[in-house]
């Protein structure tokens, strides 16, 4: 029961620290370098997953595929009791940074001149995200587009204040996933459609809408 959550959290933190160390230069981390380092390590991890997929037998392959697509078939109450404390700690860490993140949204230089320790903020934010994402993925697998759809909807509805966006994203993400799970369990009953497919069907068009909206704002 503890193996998968602990492994997911431990490997998540390990990869996060690796990305941070690769991007760090003279005690500072540039956001662009951090993103590029993340893309590189994501490709490396994808190669590892591909190797496991190649070596898996039929039963392991089915389980691995379902976990990669995401779903709540294995999210039993014991798993919830293990992962929930980790997720609460991670969310608490992020909520403590809400005011500083509001300043950071103005730009790194502006936040620094407003008295925000930007490097410390980055460290705590990355740590909080590693905790929450590691806990969630260990229980439900990789479910895409939740972090794109829900926060952007909240910003459109109520503004970009992180004191509102962070807890709202947690509640809104839960509502979206429960709704997607209900749909996935009924649309192809008695089988179960992976939740990640449902969220991708929602998130893909939403991402395109955001892209077109951004393009109109830039060029008009």
Protein backbone atom coordinates (compact mmCIF):
# COMPACT_ATOMS: atom_id res chain seq x y z
CA UNK A 1 0.00 0.00 0.00
CA UNK A 2 2.86 2.36 0.81
CA UNK A 3 5.18 1.27 -2.00
CA UNK A 4 3.64 3.13 -4.94
CA UNK A 5 2.95 6.49 -3.17
CA UNK A 6 6.39 6.55 -1.56
CA UNK A 7 8.09 5.63 -4.85
CA UNK A 8 6.08 8.25 -6.77
CA UNK A 9 6.84 10.95 -4.23
CA UNK A 10 10.52 9.98 -3.90
CA UNK A 11 11.13 9.84 -7.65
CA UNK A 12 9.15 13.05 -8.16
CA UNK A 13 11.31 14.89 -5.64
CA UNK A 14 14.48 13.35 -7.12
CA UNK A 15 13.59 14.50 -10.64
CA UNK A 16 12.58 17.92 -9.33
CA UNK A 17 15.90 18.36 -7.52
CA UNK A 18 17.75 17.19 -10.64
CA UNK A 19 15.92 19.72 -12.82
CA UNK A 20 16.66 22.45 -10.27
CA UNK A 21 20.37 21.62 -10.07
CA UNK A 22 20.72 21.51 -13.86
CA UNK A 23 19.06 24.92 -14.21
CA UNK A 24 20.87 26.53 -11.27
CA UNK A 25 23.79 28.83 -11.99
CA UNK A 26 25.58 30.84 -9.28
CA UNK A 27 22.70 30.36 -6.88
CA UNK A 28 20.04 31.60 -9.32
CA UNK A 29 17.61 29.73 -11.55
CA UNK A 30 16.31 31.09 -14.82
CA UNK A 31 12.75 30.06 -15.62
CA UNK A 32 13.50 29.28 -19.27
CA UNK A 33 16.45 27.05 -18.33
CA UNK A 34 14.27 25.33 -15.74
CA UNK A 35 11.63 24.55 -18.36
CA UNK A 36 14.20 23.24 -20.86
CA UNK A 37 15.79 21.04 -18.18
CA UNK A 38 12.34 19.68 -17.34
CA UNK A 39 11.67 18.86 -21.00
CA UNK A 40 15.01 17.03 -21.27
CA UNK A 41 14.45 14.92 -18.15
CA UNK A 42 10.85 14.25 -19.21
CA UNK A 43 12.19 12.74 -22.43
CA UNK A 44 14.63 10.60 -20.44
CA UNK A 45 11.84 9.40 -18.12
CA UNK A 46 9.65 8.70 -21.16
CA UNK A 47 12.39 6.45 -22.53
CA UNK A 48 12.40 4.53 -19.25
CA UNK A 49 8.64 4.09 -19.37
CA UNK A 50 8.94 2.94 -22.98
CA UNK A 51 11.49 0.30 -21.94
CA UNK A 52 9.20 -0.95 -19.16
CA UNK A 53 6.33 -1.12 -21.66
CA UNK A 54 8.49 -3.19 -24.01
CA UNK A 55 9.49 -5.63 -21.24
CA UNK A 56 6.01 -5.97 -19.65
CA UNK A 57 3.82 -9.04 -20.05
CA UNK A 58 0.16 -8.77 -21.08
CA UNK A 59 -1.23 -8.19 -17.60
CA UNK A 60 1.48 -5.67 -16.67
CA UNK A 61 1.05 -3.90 -20.01
CA UNK A 62 -2.69 -3.47 -19.45
CA UNK A 63 -2.09 -2.11 -15.96
CA UNK A 64 0.68 0.20 -17.15
CA UNK A 65 -1.39 1.54 -20.05
CA UNK A 66 -4.39 2.22 -17.82
CA UNK A 67 -2.15 3.98 -15.25
CA UNK A 68 -0.50 6.14 -17.92
CA UNK A 69 -3.92 7.21 -19.24
CA UNK A 70 -5.18 7.86 -15.72
CA UNK A 71 -8.11 6.52 -13.74
CA UNK A 72 -9.52 5.93 -10.28
CA UNK A 73 -9.86 2.17 -10.44
CA UNK A 74 -7.01 1.73 -7.96
CA UNK A 75 -7.82 4.74 -5.76
CA UNK A 76 -9.15 2.80 -2.76
CA UNK A 77 -9.63 4.32 0.69
CA UNK A 78 -6.28 2.97 1.99
CA UNK A 79 -4.55 4.69 -0.95
CA UNK A 80 -6.43 7.91 -0.18
CA UNK A 81 -5.38 7.78 3.48
CA UNK A 82 -1.74 7.43 2.43
CA UNK A 83 -1.70 10.16 -0.23
CA UNK A 84 -4.05 12.72 1.37
CA UNK A 85 -1.60 13.92 4.09
CA UNK A 86 1.12 14.42 1.47
CA UNK A 87 -1.26 16.40 -0.76
CA UNK A 88 -2.44 18.55 2.18
CA UNK A 89 1.15 19.39 3.14
CA UNK A 90 1.98 20.33 -0.45
CA UNK A 91 -1.12 22.50 -0.81
CA UNK A 92 -0.38 24.20 2.51
CA UNK A 93 3.13 25.03 1.31
CA UNK A 94 1.72 26.57 -1.88
CA UNK A 95 -0.99 28.55 -0.04
CA UNK A 96 1.69 30.16 2.14
CA UNK A 97 3.29 31.50 -1.05
CA UNK A 98 0.06 32.96 -2.49
CA UNK A 99 0.83 36.63 -1.80
CA UNK A 100 4.39 36.29 -3.09
CA UNK A 101 3.11 34.53 -6.22
CA UNK A 102 0.80 37.50 -6.86
CA UNK A 103 3.88 39.73 -6.89
CA UNK A 104 5.78 37.21 -9.02
CA UNK A 105 3.05 37.35 -11.68
CA UNK A 106 4.13 40.96 -12.35
CA UNK A 107 7.58 39.70 -13.31
CA UNK A 108 10.61 38.38 -11.47
CA UNK A 109 12.38 41.74 -11.36
CA UNK A 110 9.26 43.55 -10.13
CA UNK A 111 8.68 40.94 -7.42
CA UNK A 112 12.28 41.26 -6.25
CA UNK A 113 11.93 45.05 -5.91
CA UNK A 114 8.71 44.53 -3.95
CA UNK A 115 10.71 42.57 -1.37
CA UNK A 116 10.01 39.01 -2.51
CA UNK A 117 12.88 36.55 -2.24
CA UNK A 118 12.33 35.10 -5.71
CA UNK A 119 14.76 32.20 -5.40
CA UNK A 120 13.25 31.09 -2.09
CA UNK A 121 9.78 31.41 -3.59
CA UNK A 122 10.78 29.21 -6.53
CA UNK A 123 12.18 26.54 -4.22
CA UNK A 124 9.11 26.38 -2.00
CA UNK A 125 6.74 26.46 -4.98
CA UNK A 126 8.55 23.64 -6.78
CA UNK A 127 8.65 21.62 -3.53
CA UNK A 128 4.91 22.10 -2.96
CA UNK A 129 4.10 21.12 -6.54
CA UNK A 130 6.31 18.02 -6.28
CA UNK A 131 4.43 16.91 -3.15
CA UNK A 132 0.94 17.42 -4.54
CA UNK A 133 1.64 16.04 -8.01
CA UNK A 134 3.53 13.03 -6.65
CA UNK A 135 0.63 12.17 -4.34
CA UNK A 136 -2.00 12.61 -7.06
CA UNK A 137 -0.15 10.63 -9.74
CA UNK A 138 0.59 7.77 -7.37
CA UNK A 139 -3.13 7.35 -6.73
CA UNK A 140 -4.67 8.10 -10.13
CA UNK A 141 -1.93 7.95 -12.74
CA UNK A 142 -1.25 10.64 -15.30
CA UNK A 143 -4.43 12.65 -16.00
CA UNK A 144 -3.76 15.47 -18.44
CA UNK A 145 -5.10 19.01 -18.89
CA UNK A 146 -6.56 19.45 -15.37
CA UNK A 147 -3.88 21.99 -14.50
CA UNK A 148 -4.58 23.86 -17.73
CA UNK A 149 -8.38 23.96 -17.72
CA UNK A 150 -9.31 24.64 -14.09
CA UNK A 151 -6.89 27.48 -13.15
CA UNK A 152 -7.58 29.34 -16.40
CA UNK A 153 -11.34 29.10 -15.87
CA UNK A 154 -10.93 30.42 -12.33
CA UNK A 155 -8.81 33.34 -13.58
CA UNK A 156 -11.44 34.17 -16.19
CA UNK A 157 -14.23 34.03 -13.59
CA UNK A 158 -12.62 35.61 -10.54
CA UNK A 159 -9.25 37.13 -11.38
CA UNK A 160 -5.66 36.01 -10.90
CA UNK A 161 -5.32 36.35 -7.11
CA UNK A 162 -3.47 33.19 -6.02
CA UNK A 163 -5.19 33.30 -2.62
CA UNK A 164 -8.31 32.42 -4.60
CA UNK A 165 -6.84 30.49 -7.52
CA UNK A 166 -4.85 27.91 -5.49
CA UNK A 167 -7.63 26.56 -3.22
CA UNK A 168 -10.15 27.05 -6.02
CA UNK A 169 -8.01 24.94 -8.35
CA UNK A 170 -7.90 22.14 -5.77
CA UNK A 171 -11.70 22.13 -5.38
CA UNK A 172 -12.42 22.76 -9.06
CA UNK A 173 -9.96 20.07 -10.14
CA UNK A 174 -11.67 17.59 -7.82
CA UNK A 175 -15.09 18.48 -9.25
CA UNK A 176 -13.82 18.13 -12.82
CA UNK A 177 -12.22 14.75 -12.12
CA UNK A 178 -15.25 13.34 -10.30
CA UNK A 179 -17.46 14.47 -13.19
CA UNK A 180 -15.06 12.95 -15.74
CA UNK A 181 -14.93 9.71 -13.74
CA UNK A 182 -18.74 9.54 -13.61
CA UNK A 183 -18.86 10.03 -17.38
CA UNK A 184 -16.14 7.44 -18.01
CA UNK A 185 -17.94 4.82 -15.92
CA UNK A 186 -21.32 5.30 -17.63
CA UNK A 187 -20.56 6.02 -21.30
CA UNK A 188 -19.08 2.56 -22.01
CA UNK A 189 -20.61 0.59 -19.10
CA UNK A 190 -19.88 -2.05 -17.91
CA UNK A 191 -16.33 -1.19 -19.03
CA UNK A 192 -14.52 1.87 -17.72
CA UNK A 193 -13.00 4.52 -19.99
CA UNK A 194 -9.71 5.97 -18.65
CA UNK A 195 -10.35 9.37 -17.10
CA UNK A 196 -7.29 10.82 -18.85
CA UNK A 197 -9.00 10.33 -22.21
CA UNK A 198 -12.06 12.29 -21.03
CA UNK A 199 -10.01 15.18 -19.66
CA UNK A 200 -7.92 15.27 -22.85
CA UNK A 201 -11.11 15.52 -24.92
CA UNK A 202 -12.09 18.51 -22.76
CA UNK A 203 -8.65 20.07 -22.44
CA UNK A 204 -7.60 19.84 -26.09
CA UNK A 205 -10.35 22.13 -27.45
CA UNK A 206 -10.00 24.40 -24.42
CA UNK A 207 -6.27 24.79 -25.08
CA UNK A 208 -6.94 25.63 -28.73
CA UNK A 209 -9.53 28.22 -27.63
CA UNK A 210 -6.98 29.81 -25.29
CA UNK A 211 -4.41 29.84 -28.08
CA UNK A 212 -6.78 31.53 -30.54
CA UNK A 213 -7.87 34.01 -27.87
CA UNK A 214 -4.27 34.89 -27.08
CA UNK A 215 -3.49 35.28 -30.80
CA UNK A 216 -6.39 37.70 -31.28
CA UNK A 217 -5.33 39.76 -28.26
CA UNK A 218 -1.71 39.96 -29.46
CA UNK A 219 -2.43 40.88 -33.07
CA UNK A 220 -5.35 43.20 -32.36
